[in-house]
PDB file of N, CA and C in Angstrom:
ATOM      1  N   MET A   1      84.788  96.488 209.551  1.00  0.00           N
ATOM      2  CA  MET A   1      85.118  95.504 208.539  1.00  0.00           C
ATOM      3  C   MET A   1      85.679  96.252 207.327  1.00  0.00           C
ATOM      4  N   ASN A   2      86.772  95.756 206.797  1.00  0.00           N
ATOM      5  CA  ASN A   2      87.376  96.419 205.642  1.00  0.00           C
ATOM      6  C   ASN A   2      87.018  95.689 204.346  1.00  0.00           C
ATOM      7  N   LEU A   3      87.431  96.256 203.218  1.00  0.00           N
ATOM      8  CA  LEU A   3      87.081  95.686 201.916  1.00  0.00           C
ATOM      9  C   LEU A   3      87.656  94.291 201.701  1.00  0.00           C
ATOM     10  N   LYS A   4      88.831  94.038 202.227  1.00  0.00           N
ATOM     11  CA  LYS A   4      89.438  92.705 202.076  1.00  0.00           C
ATOM     12  C   LYS A   4      88.592  91.652 202.789  1.00  0.00           C
ATOM     13  N   GLU A   5      88.131  91.964 203.991  1.00  0.00           N
ATOM     14  CA  GLU A   5      87.285  91.042 204.748  1.00  0.00           C
ATOM     15  C   GLU A   5      85.948  90.809 204.036  1.00  0.00           C
ATOM     16  N   ILE A   6      85.371  91.867 203.503  1.00  0.00           N
ATOM     17  CA  ILE A   6      84.118  91.753 202.760  1.00  0.00           C
ATOM     18  C   ILE A   6      84.320  90.858 201.538  1.00  0.00           C
ATOM     19  N   GLY A   7      85.405  91.085 200.832  1.00  0.00           N
ATOM     20  CA  GLY A   7      85.710  90.279 199.655  1.00  0.00           C
ATOM     21  C   GLY A   7      85.844  88.807 199.980  1.00  0.00           C
ATOM     22  N   LEU A   8      86.506  88.497 201.088  1.00  0.00           N
ATOM     23  CA  LEU A   8      86.678  87.100 201.499  1.00  0.00           C
ATOM     24  C   LEU A   8      85.339  86.447 201.842  1.00  0.00           C
ATOM     25  N   ILE A   9      84.464  87.185 202.503  1.00  0.00           N
ATOM     26  CA  ILE A   9      83.136  86.669 202.845  1.00  0.00           C
ATOM     27  C   ILE A   9      82.338  86.380 201.576  1.00  0.00           C
ATOM     28  N   LEU A  10      82.367  87.317 200.630  1.00  0.00           N
ATOM     29  CA  LEU A  10      81.636  87.126 199.372  1.00  0.00           C
ATOM     30  C   LEU A  10      82.173  85.927 198.599  1.00  0.00           C
ATOM     31  N   LYS A  11      83.482  85.805 198.535  1.00  0.00           N
ATOM     32  CA  LYS A  11      84.097  84.696 197.810  1.00  0.00           C
ATOM     33  C   LYS A  11      83.755  83.356 198.455  1.00  0.00           C
ATOM     34  N   GLN A  12      83.838  83.299 199.780  1.00  0.00           N
ATOM     35  CA  GLN A  12      83.528  82.062 200.493  1.00  0.00           C
ATOM     36  C   GLN A  12      82.072  81.657 200.251  1.00  0.00           C
ATOM     37  N   ARG A  13      81.161  82.602 200.335  1.00  0.00           N
ATOM     38  CA  ARG A  13      79.740  82.299 200.130  1.00  0.00           C
ATOM     39  C   ARG A  13      79.487  81.861 198.680  1.00  0.00           C
ATOM     40  N   ARG A  14      80.131  82.519 197.741  1.00  0.00           N
ATOM     41  CA  ARG A  14      79.987  82.150 196.329  1.00  0.00           C
ATOM     42  C   ARG A  14      80.402  80.698 196.128  1.00  0.00           C
ATOM     43  N   LYS A  15      81.507  80.322 196.747  1.00  0.00           N
ATOM     44  CA  LYS A  15      81.992  78.946 196.613  1.00  0.00           C
ATOM     45  C   LYS A  15      81.063  77.953 197.314  1.00  0.00           C
ATOM     46  N   GLU A  16      80.503  78.339 198.462  1.00  0.00           N
ATOM     47  CA  GLU A  16      79.543  77.478 199.158  1.00  0.00           C
ATOM     48  C   GLU A  16      78.332  77.179 198.268  1.00  0.00           C
ATOM     49  N   LEU A  17      77.958  78.146 197.459  1.00  0.00           N
ATOM     50  CA  LEU A  17      76.806  77.989 196.569  1.00  0.00           C
ATOM     51  C   LEU A  17      77.196  77.388 195.224  1.00  0.00           C
ATOM     52  N   ALA A  18      78.452  77.020 195.078  1.00  0.00           N
ATOM     53  CA  ALA A  18      78.983  76.406 193.847  1.00  0.00           C
ATOM     54  C   ALA A  18      78.764  77.299 192.628  1.00  0.00           C
ATOM     55  N   LEU A  19      78.991  78.592 192.819  1.00  0.00           N
ATOM     56  CA  LEU A  19      78.914  79.553 191.721  1.00  0.00           C
ATOM     57  C   LEU A  19      80.319  79.958 191.307  1.00  0.00           C
ATOM     58  N   ASP A  20      80.545  80.092 190.024  1.00  0.00           N
ATOM     59  CA  ASP A  20      81.810  80.676 189.596  1.00  0.00           C
ATOM     60  C   ASP A  20      81.595  82.179 189.432  1.00  0.00           C
ATOM     61  N   GLN A  21      82.691  82.904 189.253  1.00  0.00           N
ATOM     62  CA  GLN A  21      82.584  84.358 189.154  1.00  0.00           C
ATOM     63  C   GLN A  21      81.726  84.785 187.970  1.00  0.00           C
ATOM     64  N   ARG A  22      81.822  84.076 186.867  1.00  0.00           N
ATOM     65  CA  ARG A  22      81.061  84.452 185.682  1.00  0.00           C
ATOM     66  C   ARG A  22      79.551  84.376 185.937  1.00  0.00           C
ATOM     67  N   ASN A  23      79.104  83.298 186.587  1.00  0.00           N
ATOM     68  CA  ASN A  23      77.676  83.165 186.871  1.00  0.00           C
ATOM     69  C   ASN A  23      77.198  84.185 187.899  1.00  0.00           C
ATOM     70  N   LEU A  24      77.996  84.420 188.939  1.00  0.00           N
ATOM     71  CA  LEU A  24      77.613  85.429 189.930  1.00  0.00           C
ATOM     72  C   LEU A  24      77.563  86.801 189.284  1.00  0.00           C
ATOM     73  N   ALA A  25      78.512  87.102 188.430  1.00  0.00           N
ATOM     74  CA  ALA A  25      78.523  88.390 187.734  1.00  0.00           C
ATOM     75  C   ALA A  25      77.256  88.547 186.894  1.00  0.00           C
ATOM     76  N   ARG A  26      76.889  87.507 186.175  1.00  0.00           N
ATOM     77  CA  ARG A  26      75.693  87.555 185.334  1.00  0.00           C
ATOM     78  C   ARG A  26      74.434  87.749 186.178  1.00  0.00           C
ATOM     79  N   LEU A  27      74.324  86.989 187.264  1.00  0.00           N
ATOM     80  CA  LEU A  27      73.137  87.067 188.120  1.00  0.00           C
ATOM     81  C   LEU A  27      73.009  88.402 188.851  1.00  0.00           C
ATOM     82  N   SER A  28      74.133  89.010 189.181  1.00  0.00           N
ATOM     83  CA  SER A  28      74.110  90.262 189.948  1.00  0.00           C
ATOM     84  C   SER A  28      74.213  91.509 189.083  1.00  0.00           C
ATOM     85  N   GLY A  29      74.523  91.330 187.792  1.00  0.00           N
ATOM     86  CA  GLY A  29      74.657  92.489 186.916  1.00  0.00           C
ATOM     87  C   GLY A  29      75.949  93.253 187.124  1.00  0.00           C
ATOM     88  N   VAL A  30      76.949  92.586 187.674  1.00  0.00           N
ATOM     89  CA  VAL A  30      78.264  93.183 187.929  1.00  0.00           C
ATOM     90  C   VAL A  30      79.258  92.506 186.991  1.00  0.00           C
ATOM     91  N   SER A  31      80.181  93.259 186.447  1.00  0.00           N
ATOM     92  CA  SER A  31      81.156  92.650 185.535  1.00  0.00           C
ATOM     93  C   SER A  31      82.061  91.668 186.282  1.00  0.00           C
ATOM     94  N   VAL A  32      82.574  90.690 185.555  1.00  0.00           N
ATOM     95  CA  VAL A  32      83.492  89.716 186.147  1.00  0.00           C
ATOM     96  C   VAL A  32      84.726  90.434 186.698  1.00  0.00           C
ATOM     97  N   HIS A  33      85.208  91.422 185.968  1.00  0.00           N
ATOM     98  CA  HIS A  33      86.385  92.179 186.421  1.00  0.00           C
ATOM     99  C   HIS A  33      86.103  92.867 187.759  1.00  0.00           C
ATOM    100  N   SER A  34      84.955  93.522 187.857  1.00  0.00           N
ATOM    101  CA  SER A  34      84.597  94.199 189.114  1.00  0.00           C
ATOM    102  C   SER A  34      84.440  93.202 190.248  1.00  0.00           C
ATOM    103  N   LEU A  35      83.784  92.093 189.971  1.00  0.00           N
ATOM    104  CA  LEU A  35      83.589  91.073 190.989  1.00  0.00           C
ATOM    105  C   LEU A  35      84.935  90.527 191.477  1.00  0.00           C
ATOM    106  N   SER A  36      85.844  90.277 190.552  1.00  0.00           N
ATOM    107  CA  SER A  36      87.175  89.793 190.901  1.00  0.00           C
ATOM    108  C   SER A  36      87.893  90.794 191.799  1.00  0.00           C
ATOM    109  N   ASP A  37      87.816  92.074 191.452  1.00  0.00           N
ATOM    110  CA  ASP A  37      88.442  93.117 192.271  1.00  0.00           C
ATOM    111  C   ASP A  37      87.831  93.173 193.670  1.00  0.00           C
ATOM    112  N   ILE A  38      86.505  93.072 193.747  1.00  0.00           N
ATOM    113  CA  ILE A  38      85.823  93.136 195.043  1.00  0.00           C
ATOM    114  C   ILE A  38      86.253  91.960 195.910  1.00  0.00           C
ATOM    115  N   GLU A  39      86.271  90.763 195.342  1.00  0.00           N
ATOM    116  CA  GLU A  39      86.680  89.583 196.110  1.00  0.00           C
ATOM    117  C   GLU A  39      88.132  89.680 196.572  1.00  0.00           C
ATOM    118  N   ALA A  40      88.953  90.389 195.823  1.00  0.00           N
ATOM    119  CA  ALA A  40      90.360  90.560 196.190  1.00  0.00           C
ATOM    120  C   ALA A  40      90.575  91.738 197.142  1.00  0.00           C
ATOM    121  N   GLY A  41      89.493  92.440 197.486  1.00  0.00           N
ATOM    122  CA  GLY A  41      89.608  93.581 198.392  1.00  0.00           C
ATOM    123  C   GLY A  41      90.157  94.821 197.733  1.00  0.00           C
ATOM    124  N   LYS A  42      90.062  94.882 196.408  1.00  0.00           N
ATOM    125  CA  LYS A  42      90.571  96.025 195.650  1.00  0.00           C
ATOM    126  C   LYS A  42      89.421  96.922 195.223  1.00  0.00           C
ATOM    127  N   GLY A  43      89.774  98.115 194.823  1.00  0.00           N
ATOM    128  CA  GLY A  43      88.773  99.043 194.302  1.00  0.00           C
ATOM    129  C   GLY A  43      87.934  99.656 195.399  1.00  0.00           C
ATOM    130  N   ASN A  44      86.880 100.322 194.986  1.00  0.00           N
ATOM    131  CA  ASN A  44      85.988 101.005 195.907  1.00  0.00           C
ATOM    132  C   ASN A  44      84.556 100.787 195.428  1.00  0.00           C
ATOM    133  N   PRO A  45      84.013  99.573 195.657  1.00  0.00           N
ATOM    134  CA  PRO A  45      82.681  99.267 195.139  1.00  0.00           C
ATOM    135  C   PRO A  45      81.598 100.108 195.811  1.00  0.00           C
ATOM    136  N   THR A  46      80.570 100.418 195.046  1.00  0.00           N
ATOM    137  CA  THR A  46      79.450 101.165 195.607  1.00  0.00           C
ATOM    138  C   THR A  46      78.619 100.243 196.490  1.00  0.00           C
ATOM    139  N   LEU A  47      77.850 100.830 197.373  1.00  0.00           N
ATOM    140  CA  LEU A  47      76.955 100.059 198.217  1.00  0.00           C
ATOM    141  C   LEU A  47      75.913  99.343 197.357  1.00  0.00           C
ATOM    142  N   GLU A  48      75.481  99.982 196.292  1.00  0.00           N
ATOM    143  CA  GLU A  48      74.515  99.366 195.384  1.00  0.00           C
ATOM    144  C   GLU A  48      75.093  98.089 194.758  1.00  0.00           C
ATOM    145  N   ARG A  49      76.318  98.159 194.305  1.00  0.00           N
ATOM    146  CA  ARG A  49      76.964  96.997 193.686  1.00  0.00           C
ATOM    147  C   ARG A  49      77.132  95.871 194.710  1.00  0.00           C
ATOM    148  N   LEU A  50      77.596  96.205 195.904  1.00  0.00           N
ATOM    149  CA  LEU A  50      77.737  95.196 196.950  1.00  0.00           C
ATOM    150  C   LEU A  50      76.385  94.590 197.314  1.00  0.00           C
ATOM    151  N   SER A  51      75.366  95.420 197.339  1.00  0.00           N
ATOM    152  CA  SER A  51      74.027  94.960 197.667  1.00  0.00           C
ATOM    153  C   SER A  51      73.503  93.961 196.640  1.00  0.00           C
ATOM    154  N   ARG A  52      73.735  94.224 195.361  1.00  0.00           N
ATOM    155  CA  ARG A  52      73.281  93.306 194.307  1.00  0.00           C
ATOM    156  C   ARG A  52      73.981  91.960 194.429  1.00  0.00           C
ATOM    157  N   ILE A  53      75.277  91.979 194.716  1.00  0.00           N
ATOM    158  CA  ILE A  53      76.029  90.737 194.884  1.00  0.00           C
ATOM    159  C   ILE A  53      75.526  89.989 196.116  1.00  0.00           C
ATOM    160  N   ALA A  54      75.368  90.696 197.219  1.00  0.00           N
ATOM    161  CA  ALA A  54      74.917  90.081 198.467  1.00  0.00           C
ATOM    162  C   ALA A  54      73.533  89.457 198.301  1.00  0.00           C
ATOM    163  N   GLU A  55      72.663  90.120 197.585  1.00  0.00           N
ATOM    164  CA  GLU A  55      71.310  89.599 197.379  1.00  0.00           C
ATOM    165  C   GLU A  55      71.349  88.239 196.676  1.00  0.00           C
ATOM    166  N   VAL A  56      72.147  88.134 195.632  1.00  0.00           N
ATOM    167  CA  VAL A  56      72.266  86.867 194.905  1.00  0.00           C
ATOM    168  C   VAL A  56      72.837  85.785 195.815  1.00  0.00           C
ATOM    169  N   LEU A  57      73.746  86.158 196.697  1.00  0.00           N
ATOM    170  CA  LEU A  57      74.394  85.198 197.586  1.00  0.00           C
ATOM    171  C   LEU A  57      73.571  84.891 198.839  1.00  0.00           C
ATOM    172  N   GLY A  58      72.443  85.569 198.999  1.00  0.00           N
ATOM    173  CA  GLY A  58      71.614  85.345 200.181  1.00  0.00           C
ATOM    174  C   GLY A  58      72.203  85.954 201.433  1.00  0.00           C
ATOM    175  N   LEU A  59      72.961  87.029 201.242  1.00  0.00           N
ATOM    176  CA  LEU A  59      73.576  87.736 202.374  1.00  0.00           C
ATOM    177  C   LEU A  59      72.875  89.071 202.581  1.00  0.00           C
ATOM    178  N   GLU A  60      73.059  89.611 203.755  1.00  0.00           N
ATOM    179  CA  GLU A  60      72.467  90.900 204.100  1.00  0.00           C
ATOM    180  C   GLU A  60      73.577  91.868 204.497  1.00  0.00           C
ATOM    181  N   ILE A  61      73.452  93.109 204.053  1.00  0.00           N
ATOM    182  CA  ILE A  61      74.429  94.134 204.417  1.00  0.00           C
ATOM    183  C   ILE A  61      73.818  95.007 205.507  1.00  0.00           C
ATOM    184  N   ASN A  62      74.547  95.156 206.597  1.00  0.00           N
ATOM    185  CA  ASN A  62      74.103  96.015 207.691  1.00  0.00           C
ATOM    186  C   ASN A  62      75.102  97.152 207.842  1.00  0.00           C
ATOM    187  N   VAL A  63      74.593  98.348 207.958  1.00  0.00           N
ATOM    188  CA  VAL A  63      75.432  99.521 208.123  1.00  0.00           C
ATOM    189  C   VAL A  63      75.209 100.075 209.520  1.00  0.00           C
ATOM    190  N   LYS A  64      76.302 100.259 210.251  1.00  0.00           N
ATOM    191  CA  LYS A  64      76.215 100.801 211.599  1.00  0.00           C
ATOM    192  C   LYS A  64      76.774 102.217 211.593  1.00  0.00           C
ATOM    193  N   VAL A  65      76.122 103.072 212.351  1.00  0.00           N
ATOM    194  CA  VAL A  65      76.584 104.454 212.505  1.00  0.00           C
ATOM    195  C   VAL A  65      77.407 104.524 213.776  1.00  0.00           C
ATOM    196  N   LYS A  66      78.625 105.036 213.643  1.00  0.00           N
ATOM    197  CA  LYS A  66      79.470 105.191 214.830  1.00  0.00           C
ATOM    198  C   LYS A  66      79.014 106.418 215.604  1.00  0.00           C
ATOM    199  N   THR A  67      78.955 106.266 216.910  1.00  0.00           N
ATOM    200  CA  THR A  67      78.560 107.403 217.735  1.00  0.00           C
ATOM    201  C   THR A  67      79.678 107.826 218.640  1.00  0.00           C
TER     202      THR A  67
END
């Protein structure tokens, strides 16, 4: 999964919960600018930042190790 796909999932879930970017940013402790970039598939967000956003949205992040 790439950053663009992750961003689309986060944006879709945010909209399902009727949250705007400003409220999600406030609840997750992420700036609106960063959140906007993440939803657009831009930048290189840390796992910690993605985790905080996912937690507010009721999502879980799973990391798989390629063998």
